[in-house]
Amino acid sequence: MGYLHYKDYMGSVEYSDEDNCLYGKVLGMSKNAITYEGTSIDELKADFEAGIESYLEGCAVLGIKPRKAFSGSLNVRIPSDIHSKVALRAEEKGISINAFIKETLEERVNSHRNLVGV
């Protein structure tokens, strides 16, 4: 799957065989759905950017702060045995559980990026 990027927003690129068109949605916007479509990549990209501009203009008119695509806050439920192991490792390193999880995720994402060339 491909992705589009514009003003700190990222969107998916999908294909509908049934409709013979490209479509997508802005990722990480669970409360504000921004969708777009086109018959070519150029049309899709233009509609994607227009959708984001429309959203930002609407926020400005309403006087509200636009949502970020990904807030940086994530609620993850894990088994208690893993939770205790994470707490122990964080304690051993002298850092918070949150810092430990962030560090671990960064390492994992970066090692995966190196493997797939992303």
C-alpha atoms as a PDB file:
ATOM      1  CA  MET A   1       0.000   0.000   0.000  1.00  0.00           C
ATOM      2  CA  GLY A   2       1.197   3.492  -0.757  1.00  0.00           C
ATOM      3  CA  TYR A   3       0.831   6.647   1.293  1.00  0.00           C
ATOM      4  CA  LEU A   4       0.312  10.317   0.585  1.00  0.00           C
ATOM      5  CA  HIS A   5       1.844  13.036   2.786  1.00  0.00           C
ATOM      6  CA  TYR A   6       0.721  16.658   3.168  1.00  0.00           C
ATOM      7  CA  LYS A   7       1.102  19.135   6.060  1.00  0.00           C
ATOM      8  CA  ASP A   8       1.899  16.509   8.705  1.00  0.00           C
ATOM      9  CA  TYR A   9      -1.013  14.315   7.582  1.00  0.00           C
ATOM     10  CA  MET A  10      -0.661  10.906   5.991  1.00  0.00           C
ATOM     11  CA  GLY A  11      -3.258   9.176   3.855  1.00  0.00           C
ATOM     12  CA  SER A  12      -3.775   5.738   2.413  1.00  0.00           C
ATOM     13  CA  VAL A  13      -3.893   4.853  -1.274  1.00  0.00           C
ATOM     14  CA  GLU A  14      -6.362   2.110  -2.183  1.00  0.00           C
ATOM     15  CA  TYR A  15      -7.843   0.832  -5.419  1.00  0.00           C
ATOM     16  CA  SER A  16     -11.451  -0.152  -6.040  1.00  0.00           C
ATOM     17  CA  ASP A  17     -11.746  -2.669  -8.853  1.00  0.00           C
ATOM     18  CA  GLU A  18     -15.523  -2.379  -8.669  1.00  0.00           C
ATOM     19  CA  ASP A  19     -15.509   1.408  -9.185  1.00  0.00           C
ATOM     20  CA  ASN A  20     -12.250   1.534 -11.169  1.00  0.00           C
ATOM     21  CA  CYS A  21     -10.922   4.363  -9.044  1.00  0.00           C
ATOM     22  CA  LEU A  22      -8.359   5.189  -6.399  1.00  0.00           C
ATOM     23  CA  TYR A  23      -9.487   6.233  -2.935  1.00  0.00           C
ATOM     24  CA  GLY A  24      -8.142   6.716   0.550  1.00  0.00           C
ATOM     25  CA  LYS A  25      -8.530   8.276   3.960  1.00  0.00           C
ATOM     26  CA  VAL A  26      -6.344  10.337   6.241  1.00  0.00           C
ATOM     27  CA  LEU A  27      -4.812   7.992   8.782  1.00  0.00           C
ATOM     28  CA  GLY A  28      -5.047   8.530  12.513  1.00  0.00           C
ATOM     29  CA  MET A  29      -8.131  10.752  12.344  1.00  0.00           C
ATOM     30  CA  SER A  30     -10.641   8.546  14.133  1.00  0.00           C
ATOM     31  CA  LYS A  31     -12.951  11.423  15.123  1.00  0.00           C
ATOM     32  CA  ASN A  32     -12.705  13.419  11.883  1.00  0.00           C
ATOM     33  CA  ALA A  33     -12.888  11.281   8.757  1.00  0.00           C
ATOM     34  CA  ILE A  34     -11.195  12.856   5.751  1.00  0.00           C
ATOM     35  CA  THR A  35     -11.660  10.768   2.604  1.00  0.00           C
ATOM     36  CA  TYR A  36     -10.688  11.389  -1.008  1.00  0.00           C
ATOM     37  CA  GLU A  37     -10.758   9.746  -4.424  1.00  0.00           C
ATOM     38  CA  GLY A  38      -9.584  10.094  -7.994  1.00  0.00           C
ATOM     39  CA  THR A  39      -9.115   8.237 -11.256  1.00  0.00           C
ATOM     40  CA  SER A  40      -5.370   8.958 -11.342  1.00  0.00           C
ATOM     41  CA  ILE A  41      -2.626   9.485  -8.787  1.00  0.00           C
ATOM     42  CA  ASP A  42      -2.602  13.206  -9.616  1.00  0.00           C
ATOM     43  CA  GLU A  43      -6.381  13.459  -9.034  1.00  0.00           C
ATOM     44  CA  LEU A  44      -6.124  11.418  -5.843  1.00  0.00           C
ATOM     45  CA  LYS A  45      -3.312  13.603  -4.501  1.00  0.00           C
ATOM     46  CA  ALA A  46      -5.179  16.804  -5.389  1.00  0.00           C
ATOM     47  CA  ASP A  47      -8.363  15.584  -3.645  1.00  0.00           C
ATOM     48  CA  PHE A  48      -6.299  14.457  -0.620  1.00  0.00           C
ATOM     49  CA  GLU A  49      -4.695  17.898  -0.300  1.00  0.00           C
ATOM     50  CA  ALA A  50      -8.037  19.658  -0.898  1.00  0.00           C
ATOM     51  CA  GLY A  51      -9.652  17.530   1.830  1.00  0.00           C
ATOM     52  CA  ILE A  52      -6.970  18.522   4.337  1.00  0.00           C
ATOM     53  CA  GLU A  53      -7.210  22.198   3.329  1.00  0.00           C
ATOM     54  CA  SER A  54     -11.002  22.067   3.721  1.00  0.00           C
ATOM     55  CA  TYR A  55     -10.647  20.482   7.161  1.00  0.00           C
ATOM     56  CA  LEU A  56      -8.100  23.114   8.272  1.00  0.00           C
ATOM     57  CA  GLU A  57     -10.253  25.964   6.916  1.00  0.00           C
ATOM     58  CA  GLY A  58     -13.315  24.544   8.700  1.00  0.00           C
ATOM     59  CA  CYS A  59     -11.376  24.403  11.958  1.00  0.00           C
ATOM     60  CA  ALA A  60     -10.278  28.023  11.488  1.00  0.00           C
ATOM     61  CA  VAL A  61     -13.857  29.174  10.824  1.00  0.00           C
ATOM     62  CA  LEU A  62     -15.109  27.337  13.899  1.00  0.00           C
ATOM     63  CA  GLY A  63     -12.196  28.586  15.990  1.00  0.00           C
ATOM     64  CA  ILE A  64     -11.083  25.097  16.976  1.00  0.00           C
ATOM     65  CA  LYS A  65      -7.638  23.572  16.974  1.00  0.00           C
ATOM     66  CA  PRO A  66      -7.205  20.990  14.182  1.00  0.00           C
ATOM     67  CA  ARG A  67      -6.570  17.472  15.395  1.00  0.00           C
ATOM     68  CA  LYS A  68      -3.183  15.994  14.729  1.00  0.00           C
ATOM     69  CA  ALA A  69      -3.292  12.813  12.704  1.00  0.00           C
ATOM     70  CA  PHE A  70      -1.628  10.919  15.535  1.00  0.00           C
ATOM     71  CA  SER A  71      -1.893  12.488  18.974  1.00  0.00           C
ATOM     72  CA  GLY A  72       1.091  10.745  20.529  1.00  0.00           C
ATOM     73  CA  SER A  73      -1.123   9.197  23.177  1.00  0.00           C
ATOM     74  CA  LEU A  74      -1.735   5.466  22.969  1.00  0.00           C
ATOM     75  CA  ASN A  75      -3.615   3.194  25.344  1.00  0.00           C
ATOM     76  CA  VAL A  76      -2.347  -0.378  25.099  1.00  0.00           C
ATOM     77  CA  ARG A  77      -3.706  -3.306  27.093  1.00  0.00           C
ATOM     78  CA  ILE A  78      -1.151  -6.008  27.881  1.00  0.00           C
ATOM     79  CA  PRO A  79      -1.159  -9.086  30.099  1.00  0.00           C
ATOM     80  CA  SER A  80      -0.129  -8.442  33.712  1.00  0.00           C
ATOM     81  CA  ASP A  81       2.972 -10.641  33.430  1.00  0.00           C
ATOM     82  CA  ILE A  82       4.311  -8.526  30.558  1.00  0.00           C
ATOM     83  CA  HIS A  83       3.380  -5.358  32.450  1.00  0.00           C
ATOM     84  CA  SER A  84       5.442  -6.486  35.430  1.00  0.00           C
ATOM     85  CA  LYS A  85       8.408  -7.397  33.201  1.00  0.00           C
ATOM     86  CA  VAL A  86       8.236  -3.978  31.534  1.00  0.00           C
ATOM     87  CA  ALA A  87       8.105  -2.300  34.957  1.00  0.00           C
ATOM     88  CA  LEU A  88      11.136  -4.272  36.136  1.00  0.00           C
ATOM     89  CA  ARG A  89      13.184  -3.491  33.006  1.00  0.00           C
ATOM     90  CA  ALA A  90      12.289   0.200  33.288  1.00  0.00           C
ATOM     91  CA  GLU A  91      13.293   0.194  36.957  1.00  0.00           C
ATOM     92  CA  GLU A  92      16.605  -1.497  36.081  1.00  0.00           C
ATOM     93  CA  LYS A  93      17.305   1.226  33.517  1.00  0.00           C
ATOM     94  CA  GLY A  94      16.234   3.980  35.901  1.00  0.00           C
ATOM     95  CA  ILE A  95      13.527   5.285  33.575  1.00  0.00           C
ATOM     96  CA  SER A  96       9.739   5.443  33.593  1.00  0.00           C
ATOM     97  CA  ILE A  97       7.593   2.708  32.076  1.00  0.00           C
ATOM     98  CA  ASN A  98       6.477   5.213  29.434  1.00  0.00           C
ATOM     99  CA  ALA A  99      10.092   6.039  28.528  1.00  0.00           C
ATOM    100  CA  PHE A 100      10.966   2.336  28.391  1.00  0.00           C
ATOM    101  CA  ILE A 101       8.048   1.553  26.075  1.00  0.00           C
ATOM    102  CA  LYS A 102       8.871   4.541  23.847  1.00  0.00           C
ATOM    103  CA  GLU A 103      12.521   3.476  23.630  1.00  0.00           C
ATOM    104  CA  THR A 104      11.580  -0.140  22.883  1.00  0.00           C
ATOM    105  CA  LEU A 105       9.094   0.839  20.185  1.00  0.00           C
ATOM    106  CA  GLU A 106      11.597   3.219  18.565  1.00  0.00           C
ATOM    107  CA  GLU A 107      14.203   0.447  18.436  1.00  0.00           C
ATOM    108  CA  ARG A 108      11.718  -2.007  16.928  1.00  0.00           C
ATOM    109  CA  VAL A 109      10.334   0.435  14.360  1.00  0.00           C
ATOM    110  CA  ASN A 110      13.808   1.597  13.326  1.00  0.00           C
ATOM    111  CA  SER A 111      15.126  -1.961  12.965  1.00  0.00           C
ATOM    112  CA  HIS A 112      12.078  -2.872  10.868  1.00  0.00           C
ATOM    113  CA  ARG A 113      12.585   0.248   8.736  1.00  0.00           C
ATOM    114  CA  ASN A 114      16.162  -0.850   8.011  1.00  0.00           C
ATOM    115  CA  LEU A 115      14.936  -4.294   6.959  1.00  0.00           C
ATOM    116  CA  VAL A 116      12.263  -3.064   4.548  1.00  0.00           C
ATOM    117  CA  GLY A 117      14.003   0.110   3.384  1.00  0.00           C
ATOM    118  CA  VAL A 118      11.259   2.465   4.597  1.00  0.00           C
END
